[in-house]
Amino acid sequence: MSIHIFGVRHHGPGCARGLRAALQTLEPDIVLVEGPPDAQAVLTLLMHAEMRPPVALLIYAPDNPQSAVYYPFTHFSPEWQALRYALEHSIPARFMDLPQAFQLGRELPSPEGEQAATGTPPTGDENTPETVEQQPGKESVSAETHPALPQDDPLAMLALAAGYSDHELWWERQIEQ
């Protein structure tokens, strides 16, 4: 048994072509794709005759629909190509990632709670890296100054250590780009 891991650029046409070609050469026994295991049951819908990208998975908490995550796919998404390849060849395909149920089920402090805790009104994005770079004397970002950041998320902690108040922005700049 051998394991092959492909790092891809989301919505990268070159990655999508290369990954499809690699899958055809490797003929894998199973295909695992970064994505929400919460949506595993809908994967077979990708084979529906009328299902054509662009499409997206939408995951939300029914009691809090404004808190939602979507996963877009288009024909040049490596994820789309990998899933379609697996389903077309009757190979098991699975999403693998932390379930969104965990993320969507978290309770983060409200802006009112943040104001009460710090004694000052919330200030929005003033501590983003762009602002910190423009104001060199500004204090560094910390868990104390941004209590709404998920403190049990190791990636959020890495973002904080790097001076980012927005862990998604840190991920985009350091990993995706």
C-alpha atoms as a PDB file:
ATOM      1  CA  MET A   1       0.000   0.000   0.000  1.00  0.00           C
ATOM      2  CA  SER A   2       1.277   3.453  -0.816  1.00  0.00           C
ATOM      3  CA  ILE A   3      -0.047   6.875   0.123  1.00  0.00           C
ATOM      4  CA  HIS A   4       0.129   9.870  -2.171  1.00  0.00           C
ATOM      5  CA  ILE A   5      -0.566  13.390  -0.922  1.00  0.00           C
ATOM      6  CA  PHE A   6      -1.174  16.212  -3.359  1.00  0.00           C
ATOM      7  CA  GLY A   7      -0.948  19.801  -2.222  1.00  0.00           C
ATOM      8  CA  VAL A   8      -3.239  21.827  -4.415  1.00  0.00           C
ATOM      9  CA  ARG A   9      -4.169  25.419  -5.053  1.00  0.00           C
ATOM     10  CA  HIS A  10      -7.928  25.713  -4.721  1.00  0.00           C
ATOM     11  CA  HIS A  11      -9.457  26.711  -8.053  1.00  0.00           C
ATOM     12  CA  GLY A  12      -6.142  26.163  -9.814  1.00  0.00           C
ATOM     13  CA  PRO A  13      -6.642  24.944 -13.390  1.00  0.00           C
ATOM     14  CA  GLY A  14      -3.097  23.550 -13.584  1.00  0.00           C
ATOM     15  CA  CYS A  15      -3.529  21.720 -10.280  1.00  0.00           C
ATOM     16  CA  ALA A  16      -6.860  20.307 -11.438  1.00  0.00           C
ATOM     17  CA  ARG A  17      -5.367  18.953 -14.694  1.00  0.00           C
ATOM     18  CA  GLY A  18      -2.270  17.581 -12.963  1.00  0.00           C
ATOM     19  CA  LEU A  19      -4.268  15.938 -10.199  1.00  0.00           C
ATOM     20  CA  ARG A  20      -6.679  14.306 -12.652  1.00  0.00           C
ATOM     21  CA  ALA A  21      -3.736  12.936 -14.668  1.00  0.00           C
ATOM     22  CA  ALA A  22      -2.047  11.653 -11.493  1.00  0.00           C
ATOM     23  CA  LEU A  23      -5.226   9.890 -10.378  1.00  0.00           C
ATOM     24  CA  GLN A  24      -5.546   8.215 -13.775  1.00  0.00           C
ATOM     25  CA  THR A  25      -1.964   6.986 -13.502  1.00  0.00           C
ATOM     26  CA  LEU A  26      -2.172   5.901  -9.844  1.00  0.00           C
ATOM     27  CA  GLU A  27      -5.626   4.278  -9.939  1.00  0.00           C
ATOM     28  CA  PRO A  28      -6.137   4.774  -6.170  1.00  0.00           C
ATOM     29  CA  ASP A  29      -8.231   2.575  -3.891  1.00  0.00           C
ATOM     30  CA  ILE A  30      -9.742   5.583  -2.128  1.00  0.00           C
ATOM     31  CA  VAL A  31      -9.701   9.357  -2.624  1.00  0.00           C
ATOM     32  CA  LEU A  32      -9.658  11.695   0.366  1.00  0.00           C
ATOM     33  CA  VAL A  33     -10.373  15.372  -0.227  1.00  0.00           C
ATOM     34  CA  GLU A  34     -10.085  18.291   2.174  1.00  0.00           C
ATOM     35  CA  GLY A  35     -13.678  19.121   2.937  1.00  0.00           C
ATOM     36  CA  PRO A  36     -16.462  18.862   5.480  1.00  0.00           C
ATOM     37  CA  PRO A  37     -17.242  15.313   6.579  1.00  0.00           C
ATOM     38  CA  ASP A  38     -20.642  16.737   7.532  1.00  0.00           C
ATOM     39  CA  ALA A  39     -21.434  16.770   3.781  1.00  0.00           C
ATOM     40  CA  GLN A  40     -20.365  13.193   3.047  1.00  0.00           C
ATOM     41  CA  ALA A  41     -23.918  12.100   2.293  1.00  0.00           C
ATOM     42  CA  VAL A  42     -24.309  14.554  -0.600  1.00  0.00           C
ATOM     43  CA  LEU A  43     -21.199  13.466  -2.528  1.00  0.00           C
ATOM     44  CA  THR A  44     -23.193  11.145  -4.756  1.00  0.00           C
ATOM     45  CA  LEU A  45     -25.102  14.192  -6.045  1.00  0.00           C
ATOM     46  CA  LEU A  46     -21.962  15.153  -7.977  1.00  0.00           C
ATOM     47  CA  MET A  47     -22.842  12.400 -10.446  1.00  0.00           C
ATOM     48  CA  HIS A  48     -26.335  13.735 -11.138  1.00  0.00           C
ATOM     49  CA  ALA A  49     -26.681  14.467 -14.865  1.00  0.00           C
ATOM     50  CA  GLU A  50     -27.706  18.082 -14.251  1.00  0.00           C
ATOM     51  CA  MET A  51     -25.012  18.812 -11.650  1.00  0.00           C
ATOM     52  CA  ARG A  52     -22.548  21.088 -13.389  1.00  0.00           C
ATOM     53  CA  PRO A  53     -20.165  23.539 -11.764  1.00  0.00           C
ATOM     54  CA  PRO A  54     -19.998  26.145 -10.493  1.00  0.00           C
ATOM     55  CA  VAL A  55     -21.693  24.680  -7.422  1.00  0.00           C
ATOM     56  CA  ALA A  56     -21.140  24.990  -3.699  1.00  0.00           C
ATOM     57  CA  LEU A  57     -21.807  23.098  -0.506  1.00  0.00           C
ATOM     58  CA  LEU A  58     -23.476  25.206   2.149  1.00  0.00           C
ATOM     59  CA  ILE A  59     -23.241  24.107   5.768  1.00  0.00           C
ATOM     60  CA  TYR A  60     -25.009  26.044   8.478  1.00  0.00           C
ATOM     61  CA  ALA A  61     -26.466  25.633  11.921  1.00  0.00           C
ATOM     62  CA  PRO A  62     -30.279  25.536  11.515  1.00  0.00           C
ATOM     63  CA  ASP A  63     -30.786  27.572  14.689  1.00  0.00           C
ATOM     64  CA  ASN A  64     -28.147  30.116  13.579  1.00  0.00           C
ATOM     65  CA  PRO A  65     -28.275  30.318   9.754  1.00  0.00           C
ATOM     66  CA  GLN A  66     -26.190  33.498   9.581  1.00  0.00           C
ATOM     67  CA  SER A  67     -23.283  31.380  10.823  1.00  0.00           C
ATOM     68  CA  ALA A  68     -22.533  29.391   7.680  1.00  0.00           C
ATOM     69  CA  VAL A  69     -19.659  28.021   5.636  1.00  0.00           C
ATOM     70  CA  TYR A  70     -19.662  27.313   1.952  1.00  0.00           C
ATOM     71  CA  TYR A  71     -17.300  25.273  -0.181  1.00  0.00           C
ATOM     72  CA  PRO A  72     -17.283  26.408  -3.814  1.00  0.00           C
ATOM     73  CA  PHE A  73     -16.386  24.053  -6.651  1.00  0.00           C
ATOM     74  CA  THR A  74     -15.905  24.723 -10.328  1.00  0.00           C
ATOM     75  CA  HIS A  75     -14.676  22.536 -13.181  1.00  0.00           C
ATOM     76  CA  PHE A  76     -11.110  23.740 -12.551  1.00  0.00           C
ATOM     77  CA  SER A  77     -11.187  22.928  -8.828  1.00  0.00           C
ATOM     78  CA  PRO A  78      -8.798  20.089  -7.978  1.00  0.00           C
ATOM     79  CA  GLU A  79     -11.308  18.939  -5.355  1.00  0.00           C
ATOM     80  CA  TRP A  80     -14.060  18.720  -7.972  1.00  0.00           C
ATOM     81  CA  GLN A  81     -11.809  16.754 -10.313  1.00  0.00           C
ATOM     82  CA  ALA A  82     -10.714  14.339  -7.575  1.00  0.00           C
ATOM     83  CA  LEU A  83     -14.264  13.692  -6.381  1.00  0.00           C
ATOM     84  CA  ARG A  84     -15.611  13.258  -9.899  1.00  0.00           C
ATOM     85  CA  TYR A  85     -12.761  10.896 -10.792  1.00  0.00           C
ATOM     86  CA  ALA A  86     -13.467   8.747  -7.752  1.00  0.00           C
ATOM     87  CA  LEU A  87     -17.208   8.610  -8.332  1.00  0.00           C
ATOM     88  CA  GLU A  88     -16.829   7.947 -12.072  1.00  0.00           C
ATOM     89  CA  HIS A  89     -14.542   4.983 -11.293  1.00  0.00           C
ATOM     90  CA  SER A  90     -16.583   3.639  -8.342  1.00  0.00           C
ATOM     91  CA  ILE A  91     -13.758   4.446  -5.940  1.00  0.00           C
ATOM     92  CA  PRO A  92     -14.717   5.455  -2.402  1.00  0.00           C
ATOM     93  CA  ALA A  93     -14.434   9.227  -1.964  1.00  0.00           C
ATOM     94  CA  ARG A  94     -14.416  10.860   1.452  1.00  0.00           C
ATOM     95  CA  PHE A  95     -14.175  14.347   2.818  1.00  0.00           C
ATOM     96  CA  MET A  96     -11.545  14.700   5.521  1.00  0.00           C
ATOM     97  CA  ASP A  97     -11.280  17.675   7.800  1.00  0.00           C
ATOM     98  CA  LEU A  98     -12.576  18.794  11.153  1.00  0.00           C
ATOM     99  CA  PRO A  99     -16.383  18.614  10.939  1.00  0.00           C
ATOM    100  CA  GLN A 100     -18.039  22.009  10.560  1.00  0.00           C
ATOM    101  CA  ALA A 101     -20.463  20.967  13.311  1.00  0.00           C
ATOM    102  CA  PHE A 102     -17.597  21.658  15.745  1.00  0.00           C
ATOM    103  CA  GLN A 103     -16.902  25.117  14.305  1.00  0.00           C
ATOM    104  CA  LEU A 104     -20.543  26.116  13.970  1.00  0.00           C
ATOM    105  CA  GLY A 105     -21.362  24.830  17.451  1.00  0.00           C
ATOM    106  CA  ARG A 106     -18.802  27.052  19.170  1.00  0.00           C
ATOM    107  CA  GLU A 107     -19.954  29.943  21.242  1.00  0.00           C
ATOM    108  CA  LEU A 108     -17.868  33.047  20.663  1.00  0.00           C
ATOM    109  CA  PRO A 109     -18.248  36.182  22.790  1.00  0.00           C
ATOM    110  CA  SER A 110     -20.632  38.740  21.367  1.00  0.00           C
ATOM    111  CA  PRO A 111     -19.418  42.301  20.725  1.00  0.00           C
ATOM    112  CA  GLU A 112     -21.388  43.338  23.831  1.00  0.00           C
ATOM    113  CA  GLY A 113     -19.537  40.721  25.913  1.00  0.00           C
ATOM    114  CA  GLU A 114     -16.216  41.939  24.529  1.00  0.00           C
ATOM    115  CA  GLN A 115     -17.097  45.516  25.499  1.00  0.00           C
ATOM    116  CA  ALA A 116     -18.089  44.456  29.003  1.00  0.00           C
ATOM    117  CA  ALA A 117     -14.934  42.419  29.443  1.00  0.00           C
ATOM    118  CA  THR A 118     -12.547  45.153  28.309  1.00  0.00           C
ATOM    119  CA  GLY A 119     -14.453  48.263  29.347  1.00  0.00           C
ATOM    120  CA  THR A 120     -14.024  49.728  25.867  1.00  0.00           C
ATOM    121  CA  PRO A 121     -16.198  49.496  22.803  1.00  0.00           C
ATOM    122  CA  PRO A 122     -15.194  46.964  20.142  1.00  0.00           C
ATOM    123  CA  THR A 123     -12.898  48.515  17.581  1.00  0.00           C
ATOM    124  CA  GLY A 124     -13.293  46.224  14.568  1.00  0.00           C
ATOM    125  CA  ASP A 125     -10.243  45.438  12.483  1.00  0.00           C
ATOM    126  CA  GLU A 126      -7.792  47.991  13.838  1.00  0.00           C
ATOM    127  CA  ASN A 127      -5.211  45.352  14.742  1.00  0.00           C
ATOM    128  CA  THR A 128      -5.018  43.652  11.364  1.00  0.00           C
ATOM    129  CA  PRO A 129      -1.452  43.192  10.098  1.00  0.00           C
ATOM    130  CA  GLU A 130      -1.911  45.971   7.523  1.00  0.00           C
ATOM    131  CA  THR A 131      -2.682  48.483  10.273  1.00  0.00           C
ATOM    132  CA  VAL A 132       0.068  47.195  12.549  1.00  0.00           C
ATOM    133  CA  GLU A 133       2.551  47.605   9.684  1.00  0.00           C
ATOM    134  CA  GLN A 134       1.351  51.176   9.097  1.00  0.00           C
ATOM    135  CA  GLN A 135       1.617  51.983  12.818  1.00  0.00           C
ATOM    136  CA  PRO A 136       4.914  50.435  13.977  1.00  0.00           C
ATOM    137  CA  GLY A 137       4.512  51.479  17.616  1.00  0.00           C
ATOM    138  CA  LYS A 138       1.151  49.737  18.009  1.00  0.00           C
ATOM    139  CA  GLU A 139       0.893  46.929  20.592  1.00  0.00           C
ATOM    140  CA  SER A 140       1.011  43.413  19.240  1.00  0.00           C
ATOM    141  CA  VAL A 141      -2.133  41.356  18.881  1.00  0.00           C
ATOM    142  CA  SER A 142      -2.843  39.030  21.793  1.00  0.00           C
ATOM    143  CA  ALA A 143      -5.562  36.772  23.122  1.00  0.00           C
ATOM    144  CA  GLU A 144      -6.350  39.429  25.729  1.00  0.00           C
ATOM    145  CA  THR A 145      -6.965  42.140  23.130  1.00  0.00           C
ATOM    146  CA  HIS A 146      -9.027  39.813  20.926  1.00  0.00           C
ATOM    147  CA  PRO A 147     -11.032  37.438  23.160  1.00  0.00           C
ATOM    148  CA  ALA A 148     -13.336  36.500  20.262  1.00  0.00           C
ATOM    149  CA  LEU A 149     -10.551  34.525  18.600  1.00  0.00           C
ATOM    150  CA  PRO A 150     -10.852  30.775  19.141  1.00  0.00           C
ATOM    151  CA  GLN A 151      -8.296  30.064  21.844  1.00  0.00           C
ATOM    152  CA  ASP A 152      -8.560  26.304  21.530  1.00  0.00           C
ATOM    153  CA  ASP A 153      -7.664  26.440  17.827  1.00  0.00           C
ATOM    154  CA  PRO A 154      -3.912  25.897  17.354  1.00  0.00           C
ATOM    155  CA  LEU A 155      -3.972  27.684  13.988  1.00  0.00           C
ATOM    156  CA  ALA A 156      -5.611  30.731  15.568  1.00  0.00           C
ATOM    157  CA  MET A 157      -2.867  30.685  18.183  1.00  0.00           C
ATOM    158  CA  LEU A 158      -0.226  30.606  15.436  1.00  0.00           C
ATOM    159  CA  ALA A 159      -1.954  33.554  13.773  1.00  0.00           C
ATOM    160  CA  LEU A 160      -1.900  35.453  17.065  1.00  0.00           C
ATOM    161  CA  ALA A 161       1.776  34.686  17.526  1.00  0.00           C
ATOM    162  CA  ALA A 162       2.422  36.064  14.041  1.00  0.00           C
ATOM    163  CA  GLY A 163       0.573  39.288  14.890  1.00  0.00           C
ATOM    164  CA  TYR A 164      -2.697  38.605  13.061  1.00  0.00           C
ATOM    165  CA  SER A 165      -6.046  39.317  14.669  1.00  0.00           C
ATOM    166  CA  ASP A 166      -7.779  37.423  11.855  1.00  0.00           C
ATOM    167  CA  HIS A 167      -6.664  33.787  11.707  1.00  0.00           C
ATOM    168  CA  GLU A 168      -8.373  33.308   8.325  1.00  0.00           C
ATOM    169  CA  LEU A 169      -6.270  36.150   6.878  1.00  0.00           C
ATOM    170  CA  TRP A 170      -3.132  34.563   8.339  1.00  0.00           C
ATOM    171  CA  TRP A 171      -4.036  31.231   6.726  1.00  0.00           C
ATOM    172  CA  GLU A 172      -4.702  32.873   3.352  1.00  0.00           C
ATOM    173  CA  ARG A 173      -1.405  34.770   3.346  1.00  0.00           C
ATOM    174  CA  GLN A 174       0.858  32.126   4.856  1.00  0.00           C
ATOM    175  CA  ILE A 175      -0.611  28.918   3.447  1.00  0.00           C
ATOM    176  CA  GLU A 176      -2.875  29.584   0.477  1.00  0.00           C
ATOM    177  CA  GLN A 177      -0.735  32.243  -1.175  1.00  0.00           C
END
